[in-house]
């Protein structure tokens, strides 16, 4: 977006400018998560060509933007009294507004800007994107996977441009967030190229070395090594890589079908398959097999997949299965707020 000059820092002290909050209250457009007007959060509004820029009083400065992200992580992301899809749509919309407010303040100190973008990106990773729905159903409704992916790329792009525009030493968490970028884009030649162009000192940080190892295993289709490495990742990196788990499991199952398939059928224990693919249970392994045309036989607790030559098939995307072992279990009671804000203790060893 061409800004045509720098704006001064914003002066709005609240999560939502008073004028917007009052207008939305009159129009009855407050979200159910904003039942108390004092808890209203500025919504995203696409900048229109030829429209005057907002005055500083309508822009939240970096400290308020950071407080906004903290509020979303602490008081909204974990709400259980509202459908998860509605929570996700609300959080993603408000985080997009946070990035826009920051974009309109190019004079913000780079360290402050990076802190806002890092927290917003971490929060977005922790709140899975809202599913598609009725395009008229409110903010975030009707989002498809491509649009959600575009918003994640927008978040990574904003942060990585911030890093590139200021000295490396100004951003102590850059190596960690560059690793999240690679894990989110596993298998992408362009993402790998961009990471390999980073300064050697940055590339050698433990988080990036770990991400590079995961990317190599993913490219080589080495399922055993890939799922061992994924299992050892901390929580946020696991969230970044989660979208690749289903395709990687499908690819591994296809390789097993080619290797083990016989005309009469060869069996493979589901428990062993679940361990190989880091699945939560043998029941999940059975669901994966049946979704790909493979029969499951045997007594309860001792079932096996049956690989018949030519029996494996793919139709549509991989089945959406929970990832408690690879992702959710790693939160281990930590505060989502502190995790998003980078205030947690070191991740426990796996």
C-alpha atoms as a PDB file:
ATOM      1  CA  UNK A   1       0.000   0.000   0.000  1.00  0.00           C
ATOM      2  CA  UNK A   2       1.508   3.327  -1.032  1.00  0.00           C
ATOM      3  CA  UNK A   3       1.437   5.593   1.969  1.00  0.00           C
ATOM      4  CA  UNK A   4       2.942   8.658   0.346  1.00  0.00           C
ATOM      5  CA  UNK A   5       4.729   9.859   3.474  1.00  0.00           C
ATOM      6  CA  UNK A   6       5.122   9.119   7.141  1.00  0.00           C
ATOM      7  CA  UNK A   7       2.443   9.700   9.708  1.00  0.00           C
ATOM      8  CA  UNK A   8       3.257  10.682  13.281  1.00  0.00           C
ATOM      9  CA  UNK A   9       2.745   8.056  15.945  1.00  0.00           C
ATOM     10  CA  UNK A  10      -0.843   7.436  16.936  1.00  0.00           C
ATOM     11  CA  UNK A  11      -2.310   8.884  20.088  1.00  0.00           C
ATOM     12  CA  UNK A  12      -5.358   6.639  20.664  1.00  0.00           C
ATOM     13  CA  UNK A  13      -5.016   5.248  24.219  1.00  0.00           C
ATOM     14  CA  UNK A  14      -7.714   2.575  23.922  1.00  0.00           C
ATOM     15  CA  UNK A  15      -8.187  -0.788  22.217  1.00  0.00           C
ATOM     16  CA  UNK A  16     -10.711   0.934  19.949  1.00  0.00           C
ATOM     17  CA  UNK A  17     -10.903   4.633  18.982  1.00  0.00           C
ATOM     18  CA  UNK A  18     -13.831   6.261  20.738  1.00  0.00           C
ATOM     19  CA  UNK A  19     -15.444   7.413  17.458  1.00  0.00           C
ATOM     20  CA  UNK A  20     -15.465   3.917  15.952  1.00  0.00           C
ATOM     21  CA  UNK A  21     -16.696   2.347  19.170  1.00  0.00           C
ATOM     22  CA  UNK A  22     -19.580   4.814  19.434  1.00  0.00           C
ATOM     23  CA  UNK A  23     -20.503   4.357  15.767  1.00  0.00           C
ATOM     24  CA  UNK A  24     -20.536   0.585  15.995  1.00  0.00           C
ATOM     25  CA  UNK A  25     -22.545   0.729  19.202  1.00  0.00           C
ATOM     26  CA  UNK A  26     -25.174   2.945  17.511  1.00  0.00           C
ATOM     27  CA  UNK A  27     -25.284   0.606  14.516  1.00  0.00           C
ATOM     28  CA  UNK A  28     -25.468  -2.439  16.803  1.00  0.00           C
ATOM     29  CA  UNK A  29     -22.374  -3.883  15.200  1.00  0.00           C
ATOM     30  CA  UNK A  30     -20.537  -4.768  18.381  1.00  0.00           C
ATOM     31  CA  UNK A  31     -19.436  -8.401  18.253  1.00  0.00           C
ATOM     32  CA  UNK A  32     -20.739 -10.810  20.895  1.00  0.00           C
ATOM     33  CA  UNK A  33     -17.169 -10.836  22.260  1.00  0.00           C
ATOM     34  CA  UNK A  34     -17.520  -7.074  22.769  1.00  0.00           C
ATOM     35  CA  UNK A  35     -20.616  -7.197  24.973  1.00  0.00           C
ATOM     36  CA  UNK A  36     -19.117  -4.465  27.150  1.00  0.00           C
ATOM     37  CA  UNK A  37     -18.327  -1.413  24.988  1.00  0.00           C
ATOM     38  CA  UNK A  38     -15.185  -0.801  27.043  1.00  0.00           C
ATOM     39  CA  UNK A  39     -13.906  -4.151  25.696  1.00  0.00           C
ATOM     40  CA  UNK A  40     -14.504  -3.280  22.041  1.00  0.00           C
ATOM     41  CA  UNK A  41     -11.451  -3.781  19.806  1.00  0.00           C
ATOM     42  CA  UNK A  42     -10.807  -1.871  16.601  1.00  0.00           C
ATOM     43  CA  UNK A  43     -11.982  -3.923  13.612  1.00  0.00           C
ATOM     44  CA  UNK A  44     -10.168  -4.224  10.310  1.00  0.00           C
ATOM     45  CA  UNK A  45     -11.289  -1.901   7.534  1.00  0.00           C
ATOM     46  CA  UNK A  46      -9.670  -2.211   4.137  1.00  0.00           C
ATOM     47  CA  UNK A  47      -7.984   1.092   3.123  1.00  0.00           C
ATOM     48  CA  UNK A  48      -9.905   2.650   0.241  1.00  0.00           C
ATOM     49  CA  UNK A  49      -8.163   4.397  -2.655  1.00  0.00           C
ATOM     50  CA  UNK A  50      -8.477   8.155  -2.361  1.00  0.00           C
ATOM     51  CA  UNK A  51      -9.696   8.006   1.226  1.00  0.00           C
ATOM     52  CA  UNK A  52      -8.042  10.406   3.664  1.00  0.00           C
ATOM     53  CA  UNK A  53      -5.600   8.869   6.074  1.00  0.00           C
ATOM     54  CA  UNK A  54      -6.825   8.493   9.645  1.00  0.00           C
ATOM     55  CA  UNK A  55      -5.631  11.182  12.044  1.00  0.00           C
ATOM     56  CA  UNK A  56      -3.267  10.192  14.878  1.00  0.00           C
ATOM     57  CA  UNK A  57      -6.227  10.107  17.293  1.00  0.00           C
ATOM     58  CA  UNK A  58      -7.597   7.120  15.327  1.00  0.00           C
ATOM     59  CA  UNK A  59      -4.317   5.176  15.420  1.00  0.00           C
ATOM     60  CA  UNK A  60      -3.092   3.131  18.367  1.00  0.00           C
ATOM     61  CA  UNK A  61       0.627   3.616  19.128  1.00  0.00           C
ATOM     62  CA  UNK A  62       2.852   0.513  19.450  1.00  0.00           C
ATOM     63  CA  UNK A  63       2.408   0.223  23.237  1.00  0.00           C
ATOM     64  CA  UNK A  64      -1.395   0.174  22.829  1.00  0.00           C
ATOM     65  CA  UNK A  65      -1.166  -2.269  19.922  1.00  0.00           C
ATOM     66  CA  UNK A  66       0.903  -4.574  22.115  1.00  0.00           C
ATOM     67  CA  UNK A  67      -1.681  -4.242  24.884  1.00  0.00           C
ATOM     68  CA  UNK A  68      -4.379  -5.097  22.317  1.00  0.00           C
ATOM     69  CA  UNK A  69      -2.623  -8.325  21.336  1.00  0.00           C
ATOM     70  CA  UNK A  70      -2.138  -9.174  25.017  1.00  0.00           C
ATOM     71  CA  UNK A  71      -5.860  -8.668  25.633  1.00  0.00           C
ATOM     72  CA  UNK A  72      -6.815 -10.879  22.676  1.00  0.00           C
ATOM     73  CA  UNK A  73      -4.500 -13.658  23.885  1.00  0.00           C
ATOM     74  CA  UNK A  74      -5.433 -13.401  27.555  1.00  0.00           C
ATOM     75  CA  UNK A  75      -9.171 -12.674  27.500  1.00  0.00           C
ATOM     76  CA  UNK A  76     -10.521 -13.709  24.086  1.00  0.00           C
ATOM     77  CA  UNK A  77      -8.545 -16.563  22.516  1.00  0.00           C
ATOM     78  CA  UNK A  78      -9.484 -19.039  25.236  1.00  0.00           C
ATOM     79  CA  UNK A  79     -13.187 -18.169  25.503  1.00  0.00           C
ATOM     80  CA  UNK A  80     -15.225 -21.365  25.766  1.00  0.00           C
ATOM     81  CA  UNK A  81     -18.661 -19.732  25.929  1.00  0.00           C
ATOM     82  CA  UNK A  82     -18.516 -18.666  22.260  1.00  0.00           C
ATOM     83  CA  UNK A  83     -18.128 -21.043  19.272  1.00  0.00           C
ATOM     84  CA  UNK A  84     -14.471 -21.521  18.346  1.00  0.00           C
ATOM     85  CA  UNK A  85     -15.113 -20.391  14.774  1.00  0.00           C
ATOM     86  CA  UNK A  86     -16.470 -17.053  16.047  1.00  0.00           C
ATOM     87  CA  UNK A  87     -13.508 -16.576  18.400  1.00  0.00           C
ATOM     88  CA  UNK A  88     -11.074 -17.319  15.581  1.00  0.00           C
ATOM     89  CA  UNK A  89     -12.790 -14.955  13.141  1.00  0.00           C
ATOM     90  CA  UNK A  90     -12.801 -12.170  15.740  1.00  0.00           C
ATOM     91  CA  UNK A  91      -9.148 -12.623  16.730  1.00  0.00           C
ATOM     92  CA  UNK A  92      -7.857 -12.834  13.152  1.00  0.00           C
ATOM     93  CA  UNK A  93      -9.808  -9.732  12.127  1.00  0.00           C
ATOM     94  CA  UNK A  94      -8.544  -7.695  15.094  1.00  0.00           C
ATOM     95  CA  UNK A  95      -4.947  -8.821  14.569  1.00  0.00           C
ATOM     96  CA  UNK A  96      -5.177  -7.705  10.960  1.00  0.00           C
ATOM     97  CA  UNK A  97      -6.302  -4.293  12.215  1.00  0.00           C
ATOM     98  CA  UNK A  98      -3.292  -4.225  14.552  1.00  0.00           C
ATOM     99  CA  UNK A  99      -0.926  -4.741  11.617  1.00  0.00           C
ATOM    100  CA  UNK A 100      -2.687  -2.046   9.592  1.00  0.00           C
ATOM    101  CA  UNK A 101      -2.413   0.497  12.418  1.00  0.00           C
ATOM    102  CA  UNK A 102       1.293  -0.257  12.665  1.00  0.00           C
ATOM    103  CA  UNK A 103       1.752   0.040   8.897  1.00  0.00           C
ATOM    104  CA  UNK A 104       0.282   3.530   9.054  1.00  0.00           C
ATOM    105  CA  UNK A 105       2.982   4.532  11.558  1.00  0.00           C
ATOM    106  CA  UNK A 106       6.261   3.969   9.675  1.00  0.00           C
ATOM    107  CA  UNK A 107       8.091   6.179  12.171  1.00  0.00           C
ATOM    108  CA  UNK A 108       7.502   3.644  14.977  1.00  0.00           C
ATOM    109  CA  UNK A 109      10.802   2.472  16.540  1.00  0.00           C
ATOM    110  CA  UNK A 110      11.833  -0.815  14.832  1.00  0.00           C
ATOM    111  CA  UNK A 111      12.173  -2.680  18.119  1.00  0.00           C
ATOM    112  CA  UNK A 112       8.667  -1.633  19.201  1.00  0.00           C
ATOM    113  CA  UNK A 113       7.217  -2.473  15.782  1.00  0.00           C
ATOM    114  CA  UNK A 114       8.845  -5.919  15.826  1.00  0.00           C
ATOM    115  CA  UNK A 115       7.492  -6.633  19.312  1.00  0.00           C
ATOM    116  CA  UNK A 116       3.947  -5.905  18.094  1.00  0.00           C
ATOM    117  CA  UNK A 117       4.313  -7.996  14.939  1.00  0.00           C
ATOM    118  CA  UNK A 118       5.920 -10.904  16.792  1.00  0.00           C
ATOM    119  CA  UNK A 119       3.129 -11.025  19.366  1.00  0.00           C
ATOM    120  CA  UNK A 120       0.419 -10.705  16.682  1.00  0.00           C
ATOM    121  CA  UNK A 121       1.950 -13.514  14.627  1.00  0.00           C
ATOM    122  CA  UNK A 122       2.290 -15.784  17.664  1.00  0.00           C
ATOM    123  CA  UNK A 123      -1.341 -15.125  18.600  1.00  0.00           C
ATOM    124  CA  UNK A 124      -2.492 -15.877  15.056  1.00  0.00           C
ATOM    125  CA  UNK A 125      -0.613 -19.191  15.100  1.00  0.00           C
ATOM    126  CA  UNK A 126      -2.197 -20.149  18.429  1.00  0.00           C
ATOM    127  CA  UNK A 127      -5.752 -19.504  17.200  1.00  0.00           C
ATOM    128  CA  UNK A 128      -6.456 -21.742  14.181  1.00  0.00           C
ATOM    129  CA  UNK A 129      -8.003 -19.779  11.335  1.00  0.00           C
ATOM    130  CA  UNK A 130     -11.789 -19.510  11.100  1.00  0.00           C
ATOM    131  CA  UNK A 131     -13.414 -22.015   8.712  1.00  0.00           C
ATOM    132  CA  UNK A 132     -15.482 -21.002   5.711  1.00  0.00           C
ATOM    133  CA  UNK A 133     -19.109 -20.147   6.176  1.00  0.00           C
ATOM    134  CA  UNK A 134     -21.842 -17.761   5.167  1.00  0.00           C
ATOM    135  CA  UNK A 135     -20.169 -14.765   3.448  1.00  0.00           C
ATOM    136  CA  UNK A 136     -22.724 -12.538   5.163  1.00  0.00           C
ATOM    137  CA  UNK A 137     -22.166 -14.028   8.590  1.00  0.00           C
ATOM    138  CA  UNK A 138     -19.923 -11.335  10.037  1.00  0.00           C
ATOM    139  CA  UNK A 139     -16.226 -10.591  10.223  1.00  0.00           C
ATOM    140  CA  UNK A 140     -14.113 -13.490   9.067  1.00  0.00           C
ATOM    141  CA  UNK A 141     -17.046 -15.550   7.789  1.00  0.00           C
ATOM    142  CA  UNK A 142     -16.648 -17.319   4.484  1.00  0.00           C
ATOM    143  CA  UNK A 143     -12.842 -17.425   4.668  1.00  0.00           C
ATOM    144  CA  UNK A 144     -11.329 -20.162   2.555  1.00  0.00           C
ATOM    145  CA  UNK A 145      -7.932 -21.841   3.145  1.00  0.00           C
ATOM    146  CA  UNK A 146      -6.268 -19.759   0.438  1.00  0.00           C
ATOM    147  CA  UNK A 147      -7.355 -16.515   2.075  1.00  0.00           C
ATOM    148  CA  UNK A 148      -6.262 -17.716   5.503  1.00  0.00           C
ATOM    149  CA  UNK A 149      -2.895 -18.681   4.039  1.00  0.00           C
ATOM    150  CA  UNK A 150      -2.614 -15.234   2.443  1.00  0.00           C
ATOM    151  CA  UNK A 151      -3.247 -13.619   5.832  1.00  0.00           C
ATOM    152  CA  UNK A 152      -0.556 -15.755   7.466  1.00  0.00           C
ATOM    153  CA  UNK A 153       1.872 -14.833   4.698  1.00  0.00           C
ATOM    154  CA  UNK A 154       0.927 -11.178   5.227  1.00  0.00           C
ATOM    155  CA  UNK A 155       1.783 -11.527   8.923  1.00  0.00           C
ATOM    156  CA  UNK A 156       5.133 -13.182   8.196  1.00  0.00           C
ATOM    157  CA  UNK A 157       5.893 -10.657   5.447  1.00  0.00           C
ATOM    158  CA  UNK A 158       5.248  -7.655   7.717  1.00  0.00           C
ATOM    159  CA  UNK A 159       7.518  -9.051  10.416  1.00  0.00           C
ATOM    160  CA  UNK A 160      10.338 -10.091   8.095  1.00  0.00           C
ATOM    161  CA  UNK A 161      10.327  -6.675   6.370  1.00  0.00           C
ATOM    162  CA  UNK A 162      10.594  -5.076   9.797  1.00  0.00           C
ATOM    163  CA  UNK A 163      13.637  -7.249  10.519  1.00  0.00           C
ATOM    164  CA  UNK A 164      15.221  -6.406   7.156  1.00  0.00           C
ATOM    165  CA  UNK A 165      14.789  -2.650   7.651  1.00  0.00           C
ATOM    166  CA  UNK A 166      16.704  -2.438  10.927  1.00  0.00           C
ATOM    167  CA  UNK A 167      19.906  -3.834  12.496  1.00  0.00           C
ATOM    168  CA  UNK A 168      19.893  -7.531  13.384  1.00  0.00           C
ATOM    169  CA  UNK A 169      20.896  -6.840  16.992  1.00  0.00           C
ATOM    170  CA  UNK A 170      17.689  -4.835  17.501  1.00  0.00           C
ATOM    171  CA  UNK A 171      15.630  -8.035  17.329  1.00  0.00           C
ATOM    172  CA  UNK A 172      16.731 -10.698  19.827  1.00  0.00           C
ATOM    173  CA  UNK A 173      13.910 -13.086  18.831  1.00  0.00           C
ATOM    174  CA  UNK A 174      14.481 -12.879  15.092  1.00  0.00           C
ATOM    175  CA  UNK A 175      16.041 -16.347  14.797  1.00  0.00           C
ATOM    176  CA  UNK A 176      13.035 -17.938  16.480  1.00  0.00           C
ATOM    177  CA  UNK A 177      10.493 -16.183  14.252  1.00  0.00           C
ATOM    178  CA  UNK A 178      12.523 -16.860  11.101  1.00  0.00           C
ATOM    179  CA  UNK A 179      12.351 -20.529  12.103  1.00  0.00           C
ATOM    180  CA  UNK A 180       8.548 -20.269  12.367  1.00  0.00           C
ATOM    181  CA  UNK A 181       8.516 -18.835   8.836  1.00  0.00           C
ATOM    182  CA  UNK A 182      10.403 -21.859   7.498  1.00  0.00           C
ATOM    183  CA  UNK A 183       8.288 -24.353   9.443  1.00  0.00           C
ATOM    184  CA  UNK A 184       5.100 -22.750   8.153  1.00  0.00           C
ATOM    185  CA  UNK A 185       6.453 -23.061   4.606  1.00  0.00           C
ATOM    186  CA  UNK A 186       7.994 -26.539   4.759  1.00  0.00           C
ATOM    187  CA  UNK A 187       9.068 -27.721   1.325  1.00  0.00           C
ATOM    188  CA  UNK A 188       9.010 -24.248  -0.230  1.00  0.00           C
ATOM    189  CA  UNK A 189      12.149 -23.570  -2.252  1.00  0.00           C
ATOM    190  CA  UNK A 190      11.666 -19.820  -1.961  1.00  0.00           C
ATOM    191  CA  UNK A 191      11.267 -19.931   1.829  1.00  0.00           C
ATOM    192  CA  UNK A 192      14.401 -22.052   2.145  1.00  0.00           C
ATOM    193  CA  UNK A 193      16.313 -19.665  -0.132  1.00  0.00           C
ATOM    194  CA  UNK A 194      15.300 -16.685   1.979  1.00  0.00           C
ATOM    195  CA  UNK A 195      16.399 -18.413   5.175  1.00  0.00           C
ATOM    196  CA  UNK A 196      19.737 -19.453   3.668  1.00  0.00           C
ATOM    197  CA  UNK A 197      20.374 -15.814   2.721  1.00  0.00           C
ATOM    198  CA  UNK A 198      20.200 -14.767   6.374  1.00  0.00           C
ATOM    199  CA  UNK A 199      23.500 -13.850   8.083  1.00  0.00           C
ATOM    200  CA  UNK A 200      25.489 -16.933   9.208  1.00  0.00           C
ATOM    201  CA  UNK A 201      25.258 -15.962  12.860  1.00  0.00           C
ATOM    202  CA  UNK A 202      21.480 -15.882  12.658  1.00  0.00           C
ATOM    203  CA  UNK A 203      21.257 -19.147  10.710  1.00  0.00           C
ATOM    204  CA  UNK A 204      23.286 -20.905  13.379  1.00  0.00           C
ATOM    205  CA  UNK A 205      20.780 -20.239  16.185  1.00  0.00           C
ATOM    206  CA  UNK A 206      19.265 -23.466  17.619  1.00  0.00           C
ATOM    207  CA  UNK A 207      15.710 -22.673  16.485  1.00  0.00           C
ATOM    208  CA  UNK A 208      16.730 -22.198  12.851  1.00  0.00           C
ATOM    209  CA  UNK A 209      19.009 -25.242  12.826  1.00  0.00           C
ATOM    210  CA  UNK A 210      16.103 -27.304  14.122  1.00  0.00           C
ATOM    211  CA  UNK A 211      13.744 -25.872  11.495  1.00  0.00           C
ATOM    212  CA  UNK A 212      16.264 -26.581   8.719  1.00  0.00           C
ATOM    213  CA  UNK A 213      16.486 -30.210   9.877  1.00  0.00           C
ATOM    214  CA  UNK A 214      12.689 -30.538   9.805  1.00  0.00           C
ATOM    215  CA  UNK A 215      12.570 -28.997   6.333  1.00  0.00           C
ATOM    216  CA  UNK A 216      15.238 -31.427   5.066  1.00  0.00           C
ATOM    217  CA  UNK A 217      13.340 -34.448   6.418  1.00  0.00           C
ATOM    218  CA  UNK A 218      10.118 -33.137   4.878  1.00  0.00           C
ATOM    219  CA  UNK A 219      11.785 -32.689   1.474  1.00  0.00           C
ATOM    220  CA  UNK A 220      13.362 -36.143   1.612  1.00  0.00           C
ATOM    221  CA  UNK A 221      10.002 -37.724   2.589  1.00  0.00           C
ATOM    222  CA  UNK A 222      11.806 -39.383   5.517  1.00  0.00           C
ATOM    223  CA  UNK A 223       8.704 -40.007   7.630  1.00  0.00           C
ATOM    224  CA  UNK A 224      10.477 -41.592  10.585  1.00  0.00           C
ATOM    225  CA  UNK A 225      12.922 -38.716  11.000  1.00  0.00           C
ATOM    226  CA  UNK A 226      10.314 -36.067  10.197  1.00  0.00           C
ATOM    227  CA  UNK A 227       7.846 -37.147  12.878  1.00  0.00           C
ATOM    228  CA  UNK A 228      10.599 -37.613  15.463  1.00  0.00           C
ATOM    229  CA  UNK A 229      11.726 -34.045  14.807  1.00  0.00           C
ATOM    230  CA  UNK A 230       8.161 -32.719  14.831  1.00  0.00           C
ATOM    231  CA  UNK A 231       7.565 -34.460  18.131  1.00  0.00           C
ATOM    232  CA  UNK A 232      10.548 -32.660  19.665  1.00  0.00           C
ATOM    233  CA  UNK A 233       9.451 -29.185  18.567  1.00  0.00           C
ATOM    234  CA  UNK A 234       8.160 -26.746  21.203  1.00  0.00           C
ATOM    235  CA  UNK A 235       4.582 -25.516  21.088  1.00  0.00           C
ATOM    236  CA  UNK A 236       4.746 -22.475  18.775  1.00  0.00           C
ATOM    237  CA  UNK A 237       6.983 -24.178  16.172  1.00  0.00           C
ATOM    238  CA  UNK A 238       4.584 -27.143  16.265  1.00  0.00           C
ATOM    239  CA  UNK A 239       1.708 -24.766  15.532  1.00  0.00           C
ATOM    240  CA  UNK A 240       3.645 -23.312  12.591  1.00  0.00           C
ATOM    241  CA  UNK A 241       4.312 -26.763  11.103  1.00  0.00           C
ATOM    242  CA  UNK A 242       0.874 -28.223  11.867  1.00  0.00           C
ATOM    243  CA  UNK A 243      -0.635 -27.584   8.433  1.00  0.00           C
ATOM    244  CA  UNK A 244       1.937 -29.962   6.908  1.00  0.00           C
ATOM    245  CA  UNK A 245       1.197 -32.876   9.240  1.00  0.00           C
ATOM    246  CA  UNK A 246      -1.792 -34.218   7.290  1.00  0.00           C
ATOM    247  CA  UNK A 247      -0.034 -34.141   3.886  1.00  0.00           C
ATOM    248  CA  UNK A 248       3.110 -35.710   5.398  1.00  0.00           C
ATOM    249  CA  UNK A 249       1.079 -38.546   6.911  1.00  0.00           C
ATOM    250  CA  UNK A 250      -0.693 -39.114   3.611  1.00  0.00           C
ATOM    251  CA  UNK A 251       2.637 -39.230   1.776  1.00  0.00           C
ATOM    252  CA  UNK A 252       4.039 -41.716   4.302  1.00  0.00           C
ATOM    253  CA  UNK A 253       0.947 -43.926   4.043  1.00  0.00           C
ATOM    254  CA  UNK A 254       1.220 -43.900   0.236  1.00  0.00           C
ATOM    255  CA  UNK A 255       4.865 -44.982   0.494  1.00  0.00           C
ATOM    256  CA  UNK A 256       3.903 -47.840   2.826  1.00  0.00           C
ATOM    257  CA  UNK A 257       1.159 -48.895   0.398  1.00  0.00           C
ATOM    258  CA  UNK A 258       3.670 -49.067  -2.446  1.00  0.00           C
ATOM    259  CA  UNK A 259       6.202 -50.981  -0.361  1.00  0.00           C
ATOM    260  CA  UNK A 260       3.861 -53.421   1.394  1.00  0.00           C
ATOM    261  CA  UNK A 261       0.998 -53.860  -1.068  1.00  0.00           C
ATOM    262  CA  UNK A 262       0.506 -57.428  -2.294  1.00  0.00           C
ATOM    263  CA  UNK A 263      -2.270 -59.042  -4.346  1.00  0.00           C
ATOM    264  CA  UNK A 264      -3.617 -60.868  -1.284  1.00  0.00           C
ATOM    265  CA  UNK A 265      -2.928 -58.080   1.176  1.00  0.00           C
ATOM    266  CA  UNK A 266      -0.235 -57.610   3.812  1.00  0.00           C
ATOM    267  CA  UNK A 267      -1.036 -56.432   7.327  1.00  0.00           C
ATOM    268  CA  UNK A 268       0.666 -53.703   9.363  1.00  0.00           C
ATOM    269  CA  UNK A 269      -0.189 -53.147  13.063  1.00  0.00           C
ATOM    270  CA  UNK A 270      -2.130 -49.948  13.647  1.00  0.00           C
ATOM    271  CA  UNK A 271      -0.315 -49.220  16.903  1.00  0.00           C
ATOM    272  CA  UNK A 272       2.988 -49.316  15.080  1.00  0.00           C
ATOM    273  CA  UNK A 273       1.584 -47.099  12.333  1.00  0.00           C
ATOM    274  CA  UNK A 274       0.315 -44.602  14.931  1.00  0.00           C
ATOM    275  CA  UNK A 275       3.793 -44.438  16.528  1.00  0.00           C
ATOM    276  CA  UNK A 276       5.493 -44.013  13.153  1.00  0.00           C
ATOM    277  CA  UNK A 277       3.215 -41.102  12.194  1.00  0.00           C
ATOM    278  CA  UNK A 278       3.071 -39.571  15.714  1.00  0.00           C
ATOM    279  CA  UNK A 279      -0.708 -40.000  15.868  1.00  0.00           C
ATOM    280  CA  UNK A 280      -2.749 -39.752  19.054  1.00  0.00           C
ATOM    281  CA  UNK A 281      -4.108 -43.303  18.916  1.00  0.00           C
ATOM    282  CA  UNK A 282      -4.568 -46.452  16.871  1.00  0.00           C
ATOM    283  CA  UNK A 283      -8.134 -45.276  16.239  1.00  0.00           C
ATOM    284  CA  UNK A 284      -6.758 -42.246  14.403  1.00  0.00           C
ATOM    285  CA  UNK A 285      -4.505 -44.533  12.353  1.00  0.00           C
ATOM    286  CA  UNK A 286      -7.560 -46.619  11.464  1.00  0.00           C
ATOM    287  CA  UNK A 287      -9.447 -43.491  10.367  1.00  0.00           C
ATOM    288  CA  UNK A 288      -6.505 -42.432   8.191  1.00  0.00           C
ATOM    289  CA  UNK A 289      -6.332 -45.871   6.559  1.00  0.00           C
ATOM    290  CA  UNK A 290     -10.051 -46.109   5.859  1.00  0.00           C
ATOM    291  CA  UNK A 291     -10.031 -42.594   4.370  1.00  0.00           C
ATOM    292  CA  UNK A 292      -7.506 -43.889   1.831  1.00  0.00           C
ATOM    293  CA  UNK A 293      -9.295 -47.098   0.886  1.00  0.00           C
ATOM    294  CA  UNK A 294      -7.371 -49.442   3.167  1.00  0.00           C
ATOM    295  CA  UNK A 295      -9.218 -52.082   5.177  1.00  0.00           C
ATOM    296  CA  UNK A 296      -8.659 -52.538   8.901  1.00  0.00           C
ATOM    297  CA  UNK A 297      -8.980 -55.972  10.505  1.00  0.00           C
ATOM    298  CA  UNK A 298      -8.266 -57.716  13.799  1.00  0.00           C
ATOM    299  CA  UNK A 299      -9.493 -57.802  17.365  1.00  0.00           C
ATOM    300  CA  UNK A 300     -10.000 -54.510  19.247  1.00  0.00           C
ATOM    301  CA  UNK A 301      -6.636 -53.349  20.543  1.00  0.00           C
ATOM    302  CA  UNK A 302      -4.734 -55.449  18.013  1.00  0.00           C
ATOM    303  CA  UNK A 303      -6.045 -54.144  14.683  1.00  0.00           C
ATOM    304  CA  UNK A 304      -3.929 -53.985  11.547  1.00  0.00           C
ATOM    305  CA  UNK A 305      -4.128 -52.096   8.289  1.00  0.00           C
ATOM    306  CA  UNK A 306      -4.352 -54.305   5.219  1.00  0.00           C
ATOM    307  CA  UNK A 307      -2.260 -53.182   2.268  1.00  0.00           C
ATOM    308  CA  UNK A 308      -3.663 -54.653  -0.940  1.00  0.00           C
ATOM    309  CA  UNK A 309      -1.872 -53.742  -4.138  1.00  0.00           C
ATOM    310  CA  UNK A 310      -3.848 -51.019  -5.923  1.00  0.00           C
ATOM    311  CA  UNK A 311      -6.139 -50.530  -2.935  1.00  0.00           C
ATOM    312  CA  UNK A 312      -4.708 -47.219  -1.786  1.00  0.00           C
ATOM    313  CA  UNK A 313      -6.485 -44.139  -3.114  1.00  0.00           C
ATOM    314  CA  UNK A 314      -6.687 -40.407  -2.454  1.00  0.00           C
ATOM    315  CA  UNK A 315      -9.805 -38.301  -2.727  1.00  0.00           C
ATOM    316  CA  UNK A 316      -9.877 -34.711  -1.539  1.00  0.00           C
ATOM    317  CA  UNK A 317      -7.647 -33.273   1.168  1.00  0.00           C
ATOM    318  CA  UNK A 318      -6.229 -35.488   3.947  1.00  0.00           C
ATOM    319  CA  UNK A 319      -8.695 -36.100   6.788  1.00  0.00           C
ATOM    320  CA  UNK A 320      -8.590 -33.442   9.501  1.00  0.00           C
ATOM    321  CA  UNK A 321      -7.448 -35.334  12.594  1.00  0.00           C
ATOM    322  CA  UNK A 322      -6.620 -33.882  16.022  1.00  0.00           C
ATOM    323  CA  UNK A 323      -2.948 -33.301  16.828  1.00  0.00           C
ATOM    324  CA  UNK A 324      -2.939 -33.604  20.614  1.00  0.00           C
ATOM    325  CA  UNK A 325       0.384 -35.447  20.751  1.00  0.00           C
ATOM    326  CA  UNK A 326       2.224 -33.285  18.220  1.00  0.00           C
ATOM    327  CA  UNK A 327       0.739 -29.912  19.187  1.00  0.00           C
ATOM    328  CA  UNK A 328      -1.855 -29.379  21.928  1.00  0.00           C
ATOM    329  CA  UNK A 329      -0.140 -31.466  24.615  1.00  0.00           C
ATOM    330  CA  UNK A 330       2.943 -29.251  24.417  1.00  0.00           C
ATOM    331  CA  UNK A 331       1.124 -26.272  25.891  1.00  0.00           C
ATOM    332  CA  UNK A 332       1.159 -28.151  29.212  1.00  0.00           C
ATOM    333  CA  UNK A 333      -0.797 -25.617  31.179  1.00  0.00           C
ATOM    334  CA  UNK A 334       1.218 -22.616  30.073  1.00  0.00           C
ATOM    335  CA  UNK A 335      -0.563 -19.288  29.837  1.00  0.00           C
ATOM    336  CA  UNK A 336      -1.392 -18.486  26.231  1.00  0.00           C
ATOM    337  CA  UNK A 337      -0.953 -14.816  27.068  1.00  0.00           C
ATOM    338  CA  UNK A 338       2.618 -15.260  28.309  1.00  0.00           C
ATOM    339  CA  UNK A 339       3.469 -17.574  25.432  1.00  0.00           C
ATOM    340  CA  UNK A 340       2.252 -15.045  22.845  1.00  0.00           C
ATOM    341  CA  UNK A 341       4.046 -12.180  24.575  1.00  0.00           C
ATOM    342  CA  UNK A 342       7.316 -14.115  24.790  1.00  0.00           C
ATOM    343  CA  UNK A 343       7.253 -14.188  28.582  1.00  0.00           C
ATOM    344  CA  UNK A 344       7.247 -17.942  29.202  1.00  0.00           C
ATOM    345  CA  UNK A 345       9.954 -20.004  30.774  1.00  0.00           C
ATOM    346  CA  UNK A 346      12.017 -22.181  28.398  1.00  0.00           C
ATOM    347  CA  UNK A 347      10.100 -25.030  26.785  1.00  0.00           C
ATOM    348  CA  UNK A 348      10.551 -28.368  28.592  1.00  0.00           C
ATOM    349  CA  UNK A 349      12.684 -31.033  26.972  1.00  0.00           C
ATOM    350  CA  UNK A 350      10.752 -33.674  25.101  1.00  0.00           C
END
